[in-house]
Amino acid sequence: MDYGKDRQPGDDMPCPLCRKECTISDDGLSGMQKNFDMEKLLCARKRSVGEADHRDGIILCDVCSSEAASPAPAATRYCFQCQQNFCDQCSWTHAKIKATSCHVMVEINLHKQVKTDRDKITELLKKIDGVLPHLRKKRMTCSAALLISRV
């Protein structure tokens, strides 16, 4: 991740992907062409481990943060089908596109609540799974005792 950090604007350096020589722009490494495939992979990895793009505790728009050079706006809605966070403009566009107009989108705060509730339910299910074998064993012991008492 530190590739080229010691380079200054105007310096030549080989591209880390294709090794073609390129000159660092006046904006430094942040002004260099991005590998969009790699950006999408990193974004997908963050989502797969439950992370989201954040800035000072604010969830950022996934579309704007992967395309814009300027800071991405805060996300206001989440699409369950696409599993992406959208700002107001992107969520409006997402709802207008014919292929995605039927997608279920919720306010970010509601999405956070759903995630919290899902995590609580998952935790409770794990506890239940731990108790069930004990209850089954207890039931079998009681059933056996009942059979013996009838004899």
C-alpha atoms as a PDB file:
ATOM      1  CA  MET A   1       0.000   0.000   0.000  1.00  0.00           C
ATOM      2  CA  ASP A   2       2.991   2.317   0.344  1.00  0.00           C
ATOM      3  CA  TYR A   3       4.016   1.991  -3.300  1.00  0.00           C
ATOM      4  CA  GLY A   4       5.237   5.355  -4.567  1.00  0.00           C
ATOM      5  CA  LYS A   5       4.705   7.228  -1.266  1.00  0.00           C
ATOM      6  CA  ASP A   6       8.255   8.602  -1.440  1.00  0.00           C
ATOM      7  CA  ARG A   7       7.682  10.069  -4.937  1.00  0.00           C
ATOM      8  CA  GLN A   8       6.922  13.728  -5.630  1.00  0.00           C
ATOM      9  CA  PRO A   9       4.881  15.434  -8.398  1.00  0.00           C
ATOM     10  CA  GLY A  10       6.862  15.379 -11.634  1.00  0.00           C
ATOM     11  CA  ASP A  11       8.769  12.179 -10.736  1.00  0.00           C
ATOM     12  CA  ASP A  12       8.589   9.210 -13.073  1.00  0.00           C
ATOM     13  CA  MET A  13       7.594   5.835 -11.720  1.00  0.00           C
ATOM     14  CA  PRO A  14       6.458   2.509 -13.160  1.00  0.00           C
ATOM     15  CA  CYS A  15       2.762   1.642 -12.962  1.00  0.00           C
ATOM     16  CA  PRO A  16       2.338  -1.044 -10.276  1.00  0.00           C
ATOM     17  CA  LEU A  17       0.029  -2.992 -12.590  1.00  0.00           C
ATOM     18  CA  CYS A  18       1.537  -2.815 -16.071  1.00  0.00           C
ATOM     19  CA  ARG A  19       5.015  -1.348 -15.288  1.00  0.00           C
ATOM     20  CA  LYS A  20       4.572   1.394 -17.924  1.00  0.00           C
ATOM     21  CA  GLU A  21       6.496   4.555 -16.933  1.00  0.00           C
ATOM     22  CA  CYS A  22       4.249   7.443 -15.932  1.00  0.00           C
ATOM     23  CA  THR A  23       4.794  10.900 -14.494  1.00  0.00           C
ATOM     24  CA  ILE A  24       3.201  11.787 -11.161  1.00  0.00           C
ATOM     25  CA  SER A  25       0.767  14.670 -11.650  1.00  0.00           C
ATOM     26  CA  ASP A  26       0.766  17.947  -9.711  1.00  0.00           C
ATOM     27  CA  ASP A  27      -1.926  16.459  -7.428  1.00  0.00           C
ATOM     28  CA  GLY A  28       0.513  13.733  -6.364  1.00  0.00           C
ATOM     29  CA  LEU A  29      -0.485  10.074  -6.191  1.00  0.00           C
ATOM     30  CA  SER A  30      -4.108  11.001  -5.474  1.00  0.00           C
ATOM     31  CA  GLY A  31      -4.287  12.553  -8.955  1.00  0.00           C
ATOM     32  CA  MET A  32      -3.139   9.365 -10.689  1.00  0.00           C
ATOM     33  CA  GLN A  33      -5.521   7.194 -12.694  1.00  0.00           C
ATOM     34  CA  LYS A  34      -7.255   4.656 -10.446  1.00  0.00           C
ATOM     35  CA  ASN A  35      -7.632   0.978 -11.145  1.00  0.00           C
ATOM     36  CA  PHE A  36     -11.440   0.833 -11.118  1.00  0.00           C
ATOM     37  CA  ASP A  37     -11.520  -2.965 -11.032  1.00  0.00           C
ATOM     38  CA  MET A  38      -9.391  -2.935  -7.891  1.00  0.00           C
ATOM     39  CA  GLU A  39     -11.534  -0.158  -6.359  1.00  0.00           C
ATOM     40  CA  LYS A  40     -14.676  -2.258  -6.913  1.00  0.00           C
ATOM     41  CA  LEU A  41     -12.997  -5.338  -5.422  1.00  0.00           C
ATOM     42  CA  LEU A  42     -11.949  -3.376  -2.329  1.00  0.00           C
ATOM     43  CA  CYS A  43     -15.459  -1.958  -2.008  1.00  0.00           C
ATOM     44  CA  ALA A  44     -16.984  -5.440  -2.311  1.00  0.00           C
ATOM     45  CA  ARG A  45     -14.549  -6.796   0.279  1.00  0.00           C
ATOM     46  CA  LYS A  46     -15.486  -4.056   2.741  1.00  0.00           C
ATOM     47  CA  ARG A  47     -19.164  -4.912   2.321  1.00  0.00           C
ATOM     48  CA  SER A  48     -18.512  -8.637   2.647  1.00  0.00           C
ATOM     49  CA  VAL A  49     -16.933  -8.154   6.070  1.00  0.00           C
ATOM     50  CA  GLY A  50     -19.640  -5.722   7.132  1.00  0.00           C
ATOM     51  CA  GLU A  51     -17.671  -2.522   6.768  1.00  0.00           C
ATOM     52  CA  ALA A  52     -18.842   0.579   4.952  1.00  0.00           C
ATOM     53  CA  ASP A  53     -17.016   3.676   3.760  1.00  0.00           C
ATOM     54  CA  HIS A  54     -17.026   6.123   6.659  1.00  0.00           C
ATOM     55  CA  ARG A  55     -15.976   9.704   7.215  1.00  0.00           C
ATOM     56  CA  ASP A  56     -16.174  10.871  10.824  1.00  0.00           C
ATOM     57  CA  GLY A  57     -18.781   8.219  11.634  1.00  0.00           C
ATOM     58  CA  ILE A  58     -20.920   9.036   8.570  1.00  0.00           C
ATOM     59  CA  ILE A  59     -21.651   6.320   6.011  1.00  0.00           C
ATOM     60  CA  LEU A  60     -20.652   7.554   2.551  1.00  0.00           C
ATOM     61  CA  CYS A  61     -22.407   6.987  -0.773  1.00  0.00           C
ATOM     62  CA  ASP A  62     -20.898   3.864  -2.395  1.00  0.00           C
ATOM     63  CA  VAL A  63     -21.478   5.170  -5.925  1.00  0.00           C
ATOM     64  CA  CYS A  64     -19.962   8.621  -5.386  1.00  0.00           C
ATOM     65  CA  SER A  65     -17.049   7.318  -3.296  1.00  0.00           C
ATOM     66  CA  SER A  66     -15.993   4.908  -6.051  1.00  0.00           C
ATOM     67  CA  GLU A  67     -16.284   7.423  -8.911  1.00  0.00           C
ATOM     68  CA  ALA A  68     -15.577  10.914  -7.614  1.00  0.00           C
ATOM     69  CA  ALA A  69     -12.221  12.472  -6.878  1.00  0.00           C
ATOM     70  CA  SER A  70     -13.836  14.879  -4.404  1.00  0.00           C
ATOM     71  CA  PRO A  71     -15.144  13.725  -1.022  1.00  0.00           C
ATOM     72  CA  ALA A  72     -18.256  11.587  -1.367  1.00  0.00           C
ATOM     73  CA  PRO A  73     -21.541  12.825   0.131  1.00  0.00           C
ATOM     74  CA  ALA A  74     -23.176  11.104   3.075  1.00  0.00           C
ATOM     75  CA  ALA A  75     -25.439   8.184   2.235  1.00  0.00           C
ATOM     76  CA  THR A  76     -29.093   8.564   3.172  1.00  0.00           C
ATOM     77  CA  ARG A  77     -30.569   5.316   1.797  1.00  0.00           C
ATOM     78  CA  TYR A  78     -29.575   1.646   1.522  1.00  0.00           C
ATOM     79  CA  CYS A  79     -30.673  -0.825  -1.191  1.00  0.00           C
ATOM     80  CA  PHE A  80     -31.157  -4.388   0.076  1.00  0.00           C
ATOM     81  CA  GLN A  81     -30.903  -5.984  -3.388  1.00  0.00           C
ATOM     82  CA  CYS A  82     -27.699  -4.179  -4.413  1.00  0.00           C
ATOM     83  CA  GLN A  83     -26.348  -4.008  -0.846  1.00  0.00           C
ATOM     84  CA  GLN A  84     -25.158  -0.462  -1.479  1.00  0.00           C
ATOM     85  CA  ASN A  85     -25.450   2.880   0.297  1.00  0.00           C
ATOM     86  CA  PHE A  86     -26.755   5.831  -1.768  1.00  0.00           C
ATOM     87  CA  CYS A  87     -26.805   9.603  -1.317  1.00  0.00           C
ATOM     88  CA  ASP A  88     -30.030  11.491  -2.154  1.00  0.00           C
ATOM     89  CA  GLN A  89     -29.064  12.035  -5.810  1.00  0.00           C
ATOM     90  CA  CYS A  90     -27.906   8.457  -6.417  1.00  0.00           C
ATOM     91  CA  SER A  91     -30.926   6.957  -4.621  1.00  0.00           C
ATOM     92  CA  TRP A  92     -33.235   9.082  -6.776  1.00  0.00           C
ATOM     93  CA  THR A  93     -31.447   7.856  -9.926  1.00  0.00           C
ATOM     94  CA  HIS A  94     -31.467   4.255  -8.649  1.00  0.00           C
ATOM     95  CA  ALA A  95     -35.244   4.449  -8.140  1.00  0.00           C
ATOM     96  CA  LYS A  96     -35.779   5.870 -11.669  1.00  0.00           C
ATOM     97  CA  ILE A  97     -33.790   3.189 -13.524  1.00  0.00           C
ATOM     98  CA  LYS A  98     -36.209   0.595 -14.867  1.00  0.00           C
ATOM     99  CA  ALA A  99     -34.079  -2.393 -13.814  1.00  0.00           C
ATOM    100  CA  THR A 100     -33.729  -1.178 -10.215  1.00  0.00           C
ATOM    101  CA  SER A 101     -37.001   0.708  -9.691  1.00  0.00           C
ATOM    102  CA  CYS A 102     -38.534  -2.217  -7.762  1.00  0.00           C
ATOM    103  CA  HIS A 103     -35.597  -2.516  -5.342  1.00  0.00           C
ATOM    104  CA  VAL A 104     -36.329  -2.076  -1.643  1.00  0.00           C
ATOM    105  CA  MET A 105     -34.550   0.978  -0.285  1.00  0.00           C
ATOM    106  CA  VAL A 106     -34.635   2.148   3.324  1.00  0.00           C
ATOM    107  CA  GLU A 107     -33.338   5.109   5.234  1.00  0.00           C
ATOM    108  CA  ILE A 108     -29.798   4.509   6.514  1.00  0.00           C
ATOM    109  CA  ASN A 109     -30.937   4.759  10.148  1.00  0.00           C
ATOM    110  CA  LEU A 110     -33.504   2.015   9.514  1.00  0.00           C
ATOM    111  CA  HIS A 111     -30.824  -0.124   7.833  1.00  0.00           C
ATOM    112  CA  LYS A 112     -28.623   0.300  10.913  1.00  0.00           C
ATOM    113  CA  GLN A 113     -31.547  -0.780  13.109  1.00  0.00           C
ATOM    114  CA  VAL A 114     -32.249  -3.833  10.913  1.00  0.00           C
ATOM    115  CA  LYS A 115     -28.567  -4.816  11.088  1.00  0.00           C
ATOM    116  CA  THR A 116     -28.567  -4.385  14.868  1.00  0.00           C
ATOM    117  CA  ASP A 117     -31.753  -6.455  15.178  1.00  0.00           C
ATOM    118  CA  ARG A 118     -30.320  -9.150  12.899  1.00  0.00           C
ATOM    119  CA  ASP A 119     -27.166  -9.308  15.032  1.00  0.00           C
ATOM    120  CA  LYS A 120     -29.279  -9.649  18.203  1.00  0.00           C
ATOM    121  CA  ILE A 121     -31.388 -12.414  16.646  1.00  0.00           C
ATOM    122  CA  THR A 122     -28.244 -14.246  15.513  1.00  0.00           C
ATOM    123  CA  GLU A 123     -26.864 -14.038  19.064  1.00  0.00           C
ATOM    124  CA  LEU A 124     -30.129 -15.358  20.519  1.00  0.00           C
ATOM    125  CA  LEU A 125     -30.194 -18.243  18.028  1.00  0.00           C
ATOM    126  CA  LYS A 126     -26.685 -19.226  19.109  1.00  0.00           C
ATOM    127  CA  LYS A 127     -27.822 -19.257  22.749  1.00  0.00           C
ATOM    128  CA  ILE A 128     -30.857 -21.361  21.833  1.00  0.00           C
ATOM    129  CA  ASP A 129     -28.625 -23.813  19.971  1.00  0.00           C
ATOM    130  CA  GLY A 130     -26.605 -24.165  23.170  1.00  0.00           C
ATOM    131  CA  VAL A 131     -29.686 -24.812  25.319  1.00  0.00           C
ATOM    132  CA  LEU A 132     -31.551 -27.212  22.992  1.00  0.00           C
ATOM    133  CA  PRO A 133     -29.234 -30.225  23.479  1.00  0.00           C
ATOM    134  CA  HIS A 134     -29.584 -29.833  27.265  1.00  0.00           C
ATOM    135  CA  LEU A 135     -33.390 -29.714  26.994  1.00  0.00           C
ATOM    136  CA  ARG A 136     -33.477 -32.750  24.694  1.00  0.00           C
ATOM    137  CA  LYS A 137     -31.319 -34.691  27.161  1.00  0.00           C
ATOM    138  CA  LYS A 138     -33.560 -33.595  30.048  1.00  0.00           C
ATOM    139  CA  ARG A 139     -36.672 -34.641  28.095  1.00  0.00           C
ATOM    140  CA  MET A 140     -35.191 -38.072  27.359  1.00  0.00           C
ATOM    141  CA  THR A 141     -34.278 -38.506  31.050  1.00  0.00           C
ATOM    142  CA  CYS A 142     -37.823 -37.533  32.100  1.00  0.00           C
ATOM    143  CA  SER A 143     -39.354 -39.829  29.470  1.00  0.00           C
ATOM    144  CA  ALA A 144     -37.199 -42.729  30.635  1.00  0.00           C
ATOM    145  CA  ALA A 145     -38.130 -42.073  34.272  1.00  0.00           C
ATOM    146  CA  LEU A 146     -41.819 -41.983  33.331  1.00  0.00           C
ATOM    147  CA  LEU A 147     -41.534 -45.317  31.482  1.00  0.00           C
ATOM    148  CA  ILE A 148     -39.775 -46.921  34.462  1.00  0.00           C
ATOM    149  CA  SER A 149     -42.429 -45.619  36.888  1.00  0.00           C
ATOM    150  CA  ARG A 150     -45.206 -47.179  34.777  1.00  0.00           C
ATOM    151  CA  VAL A 151     -43.592 -50.613  34.894  1.00  0.00           C
END
